[in-house]
């Protein structure tokens, strides 16, 4: 990933979730929060769909980091993230596979 004009190596295992903020995305890991100029669609295409799922128009989460799902809120490493209605069916299908 390119962050502040430098190339930063990020392993998929380290990523907890990705959050959209305007023309940028925040890639949240256990150690840091990286700000990358990108779209959610581009991130969604680069990240493996077997390990990541889009749960909201503004969030992509690492399925291995999901702790709980209650109503329309998902807990990922202690953070509560909303699950969009349009994504709920796919999220439930993906979680039932685990």
Protein backbone atom coordinates (compact mmCIF):
# COMPACT_ATOMS: atom_id res chain seq x y z
CA UNK A 1 0.00 0.00 0.00
CA UNK A 2 1.21 3.50 -0.74
CA UNK A 3 1.07 5.72 2.36
CA UNK A 4 2.47 9.27 2.39
CA UNK A 5 4.48 8.67 -0.81
CA UNK A 6 6.13 5.53 0.54
CA UNK A 7 5.32 1.90 -0.05
CA UNK A 8 4.28 0.13 3.16
CA UNK A 9 3.97 -3.63 3.45
CA UNK A 10 0.77 -4.75 5.15
CA UNK A 11 -0.07 -8.42 5.59
CA UNK A 12 -3.71 -9.45 5.32
CA UNK A 13 -3.54 -11.16 8.73
CA UNK A 14 -2.69 -7.83 10.39
CA UNK A 15 -5.68 -5.97 8.93
CA UNK A 16 -8.67 -5.73 11.29
CA UNK A 17 -10.92 -3.63 9.06
CA UNK A 18 -10.97 -0.96 6.37
CA UNK A 19 -13.01 2.22 6.75
CA UNK A 20 -13.88 4.66 3.96
CA UNK A 21 -13.43 8.36 4.58
CA UNK A 22 -14.08 10.48 1.51
CA UNK A 23 -11.49 9.79 -1.18
CA UNK A 24 -9.34 7.87 1.31
CA UNK A 25 -9.53 4.61 3.21
CA UNK A 26 -8.20 3.88 6.67
CA UNK A 27 -6.65 0.45 6.96
CA UNK A 28 -6.74 -0.43 10.65
CA UNK A 29 -4.25 -2.98 11.95
CA UNK A 30 -3.32 -3.98 15.47
CA UNK A 31 -0.38 -1.56 15.45
CA UNK A 32 -1.49 1.35 13.28
CA UNK A 33 -4.07 3.12 11.18
CA UNK A 34 -2.85 3.68 7.62
CA UNK A 35 -4.42 6.35 5.43
CA UNK A 36 -4.42 5.43 1.74
CA UNK A 37 -5.74 7.35 -1.24
CA UNK A 38 -8.10 4.75 -2.72
CA UNK A 39 -11.72 3.79 -3.13
CA UNK A 40 -13.49 1.03 -1.22
CA UNK A 41 -14.18 -0.73 -4.51
CA UNK A 42 -10.45 -0.82 -5.33
CA UNK A 43 -9.62 -2.17 -1.87
CA UNK A 44 -12.39 -4.75 -2.11
CA UNK A 45 -10.95 -5.95 -5.43
CA UNK A 46 -7.36 -6.15 -4.09
CA UNK A 47 -8.17 -7.94 -0.83
CA UNK A 48 -8.99 -11.68 -1.03
CA UNK A 49 -12.74 -12.27 -0.79
CA UNK A 50 -12.08 -15.49 1.12
CA UNK A 51 -10.74 -13.44 4.06
CA UNK A 52 -12.57 -10.12 3.81
CA UNK A 53 -16.24 -9.20 3.56
CA UNK A 54 -17.92 -5.89 2.85
CA UNK A 55 -20.44 -5.24 5.63
CA UNK A 56 -21.35 -1.62 4.93
CA UNK A 57 -20.74 0.93 2.20
CA UNK A 58 -17.98 2.31 4.46
CA UNK A 59 -16.52 -0.88 5.98
CA UNK A 60 -14.72 -4.06 4.94
CA UNK A 61 -13.74 -6.45 7.74
CA UNK A 62 -11.35 -9.35 8.14
CA UNK A 63 -13.59 -12.38 8.81
CA UNK A 64 -10.94 -13.82 11.16
CA UNK A 65 -11.21 -10.72 13.38
CA UNK A 66 -14.99 -10.81 13.85
CA UNK A 67 -15.92 -11.36 17.48
CA UNK A 68 -19.70 -11.00 17.42
CA UNK A 69 -22.72 -9.99 15.37
CA UNK A 70 -25.79 -8.67 17.17
CA UNK A 71 -28.67 -7.11 15.28
CA UNK A 72 -26.99 -4.71 12.84
CA UNK A 73 -23.76 -4.26 14.79
CA UNK A 74 -20.61 -6.29 14.33
CA UNK A 75 -17.80 -6.34 16.88
CA UNK A 76 -14.34 -6.48 15.34
CA UNK A 77 -11.44 -6.42 17.81
CA UNK A 78 -13.54 -4.44 20.29
CA UNK A 79 -14.92 -1.87 17.83
CA UNK A 80 -18.63 -1.82 17.01
CA UNK A 81 -19.21 -1.46 13.27
CA UNK A 82 -22.62 -1.07 11.61
CA UNK A 83 -23.80 -3.71 9.15
CA UNK A 84 -25.74 -2.24 6.22
CA UNK A 85 -29.09 -3.78 5.33
CA UNK A 86 -28.00 -4.40 1.73
CA UNK A 87 -24.96 -6.37 2.94
CA UNK A 88 -26.61 -8.30 5.79
CA UNK A 89 -27.67 -11.37 3.78
CA UNK A 90 -24.20 -11.91 2.31
CA UNK A 91 -22.57 -11.34 5.70
CA UNK A 92 -24.79 -13.99 7.31
CA UNK A 93 -24.08 -16.45 4.49
CA UNK A 94 -20.34 -15.91 4.84
CA UNK A 95 -20.42 -16.30 8.61
CA UNK A 96 -22.42 -19.54 8.38
CA UNK A 97 -19.56 -21.08 6.38
CA UNK A 98 -17.22 -20.78 9.37
